[in-house]
N, C-alpha and C. Protein backbone atom coordinates (compact mmCIF):
# COMPACT_ATOMS: atom_id res chain seq x y z
N MET A 1 103.22 66.33 100.38
CA MET A 1 102.82 66.67 101.28
C MET A 1 101.84 68.10 102.13
N SER A 2 102.90 68.74 101.00
CA SER A 2 102.41 70.75 100.42
C SER A 2 101.08 70.85 100.47
N GLY A 3 100.91 69.58 98.97
CA GLY A 3 98.86 69.27 98.87
C GLY A 3 98.40 69.16 99.95
N GLN A 4 98.65 68.52 101.13
CA GLN A 4 97.68 68.22 102.56
C GLN A 4 97.13 69.85 103.60
N TRP A 5 98.83 70.22 103.29
CA TRP A 5 98.48 71.46 103.80
C TRP A 5 97.70 72.39 103.46
N VAL A 6 97.42 72.53 102.17
CA VAL A 6 96.72 73.33 101.11
C VAL A 6 95.24 72.85 101.64
N ALA A 7 95.12 71.93 101.73
CA ALA A 7 93.37 71.37 102.28
C ALA A 7 93.05 71.25 103.35
N LEU A 8 93.59 71.34 104.02
CA LEU A 8 93.16 71.77 105.18
C LEU A 8 93.57 73.24 105.60
N LEU A 9 94.31 74.03 104.83
CA LEU A 9 93.70 75.32 105.54
C LEU A 9 92.51 76.11 104.19
N LEU A 10 92.08 75.47 103.17
CA LEU A 10 90.87 75.53 102.77
C LEU A 10 89.68 75.24 103.83
N LEU A 11 90.31 73.78 104.21
CA LEU A 11 88.88 73.64 105.18
C LEU A 11 89.03 74.41 106.38
N ALA A 12 90.28 75.16 106.59
CA ALA A 12 89.61 76.05 107.96
C ALA A 12 89.43 77.49 107.29
N VAL A 13 89.30 77.89 106.18
CA VAL A 13 88.59 78.80 105.39
C VAL A 13 87.06 78.48 106.22
N ALA A 14 87.15 77.53 104.99
CA ALA A 14 85.41 77.11 104.92
C ALA A 14 85.24 76.93 106.15
N GLY A 15 85.79 76.36 107.80
CA GLY A 15 84.59 76.86 108.76
C GLY A 15 84.87 78.13 109.16
N PHE A 16 85.83 78.85 108.54
CA PHE A 16 85.69 79.63 109.48
C PHE A 16 84.28 80.64 108.64
N LEU A 17 84.44 80.49 106.95
CA LEU A 17 83.33 81.32 106.33
C LEU A 17 81.86 80.33 106.73
N ALA A 18 82.07 79.73 106.99
CA ALA A 18 80.57 78.83 107.46
C ALA A 18 79.79 79.39 108.51
N GLY A 19 81.16 79.73 110.08
CA GLY A 19 80.73 80.61 111.09
C GLY A 19 80.36 81.49 110.94
N GLY A 20 80.64 82.49 110.01
CA GLY A 20 80.72 84.06 109.97
C GLY A 20 79.13 83.59 109.02
N ALA A 21 78.95 82.68 108.20
CA ALA A 21 77.34 82.44 108.14
C ALA A 21 76.36 82.88 108.80
N TYR A 22 76.86 81.61 109.89
CA TYR A 22 76.17 81.05 111.43
C TYR A 22 75.88 82.39 111.58
N SER A 23 76.86 83.57 111.69
CA SER A 23 76.05 84.83 112.90
C SER A 23 76.11 85.48 112.39
N THR A 24 76.28 86.23 110.73
CA THR A 24 75.91 86.91 110.54
C THR A 24 74.17 86.41 110.04
N TRP A 25 73.40 84.90 110.80
CA TRP A 25 71.83 85.05 109.52
C TRP A 25 70.59 86.16 109.72
N LYS A 26 70.85 85.96 111.28
CA LYS A 26 69.56 86.60 111.85
C LYS A 26 70.07 88.67 110.80
N ASN A 27 70.99 88.86 110.85
CA ASN A 27 71.18 90.54 110.58
C ASN A 27 71.35 90.65 109.21
N SER A 28 71.82 90.18 108.56
CA SER A 28 72.71 89.99 106.90
C SER A 28 72.17 88.73 105.96
N ARG A 29 70.43 88.60 106.14
CA ARG A 29 70.36 87.23 105.22
C ARG A 29 70.84 86.90 103.67
N ALA A 30 71.28 88.19 102.69
CA ALA A 30 72.24 87.82 101.83
C ALA A 30 73.55 87.91 101.95
N LEU A 31 74.39 88.95 102.81
CA LEU A 31 76.07 87.73 103.35
C LEU A 31 75.86 86.58 103.87
N ALA A 32 75.26 85.99 104.38
CA ALA A 32 75.03 85.05 105.29
C ALA A 32 75.21 83.63 103.72
N VAL A 33 74.50 84.22 103.00
CA VAL A 33 73.83 82.59 101.87
C VAL A 33 75.24 83.26 100.86
N THR A 34 75.60 84.07 101.60
CA THR A 34 76.95 85.10 100.29
C THR A 34 78.20 83.92 100.88
N LEU A 35 78.44 84.03 102.22
CA LEU A 35 79.59 83.41 102.87
C LEU A 35 79.19 81.98 103.00
N GLY A 36 78.03 81.58 102.72
CA GLY A 36 77.71 80.56 102.63
C GLY A 36 78.30 79.83 101.14
N PHE A 37 78.21 80.22 100.92
CA PHE A 37 77.89 79.84 99.06
C PHE A 37 79.74 79.69 98.98
N ALA A 38 80.58 80.58 99.74
CA ALA A 38 82.26 81.16 99.59
C ALA A 38 82.20 79.54 100.47
N ALA A 39 81.75 79.48 101.16
CA ALA A 39 82.38 78.22 102.33
C ALA A 39 82.08 76.48 101.60
N ALA A 40 80.89 77.06 100.68
CA ALA A 40 81.06 75.28 99.93
C ALA A 40 81.91 75.77 98.98
N LEU A 41 82.46 76.74 98.18
CA LEU A 41 83.55 76.30 97.75
C LEU A 41 84.78 76.51 97.93
N ALA A 42 85.11 76.46 99.18
CA ALA A 42 86.01 76.05 99.87
C ALA A 42 86.48 74.89 100.13
N VAL A 43 85.52 74.02 100.49
CA VAL A 43 85.20 72.48 100.94
C VAL A 43 85.20 72.00 99.53
N GLY A 44 84.54 72.68 98.10
CA GLY A 44 84.48 72.10 97.08
C GLY A 44 86.57 71.79 96.85
N GLY A 45 86.77 73.10 96.64
CA GLY A 45 88.44 72.95 96.68
C GLY A 45 89.51 72.39 97.35
N ALA A 46 88.97 72.15 98.26
CA ALA A 46 90.10 70.84 99.52
C ALA A 46 89.05 70.16 98.80
N VAL A 47 88.28 69.80 98.19
CA VAL A 47 88.32 67.98 98.45
C VAL A 47 89.14 67.71 96.68
N ALA A 48 88.71 68.26 95.21
CA ALA A 48 89.44 68.67 94.69
C ALA A 48 90.88 68.87 94.83
N TRP A 49 91.84 68.74 96.19
CA TRP A 49 92.71 69.24 95.99
C TRP A 49 92.99 68.09 96.41
N LEU A 50 91.90 66.92 96.86
CA LEU A 50 92.93 65.84 97.47
C LEU A 50 92.49 64.59 96.89
N ALA A 51 91.65 65.13 95.89
CA ALA A 51 91.12 63.79 95.04
C ALA A 51 92.53 63.86 93.12
């Protein structure tokens, strides 16, 4: 059961990071790309945790 909570938390963090990337795209492209990369890592971690 606790493994599912970790994956859910990682997905929530990924959503937060993706929203930050979307909102900073016009002001700072480098930061937006970094946040998008971190969001992709968080999603990958959640999928790996569930597998």
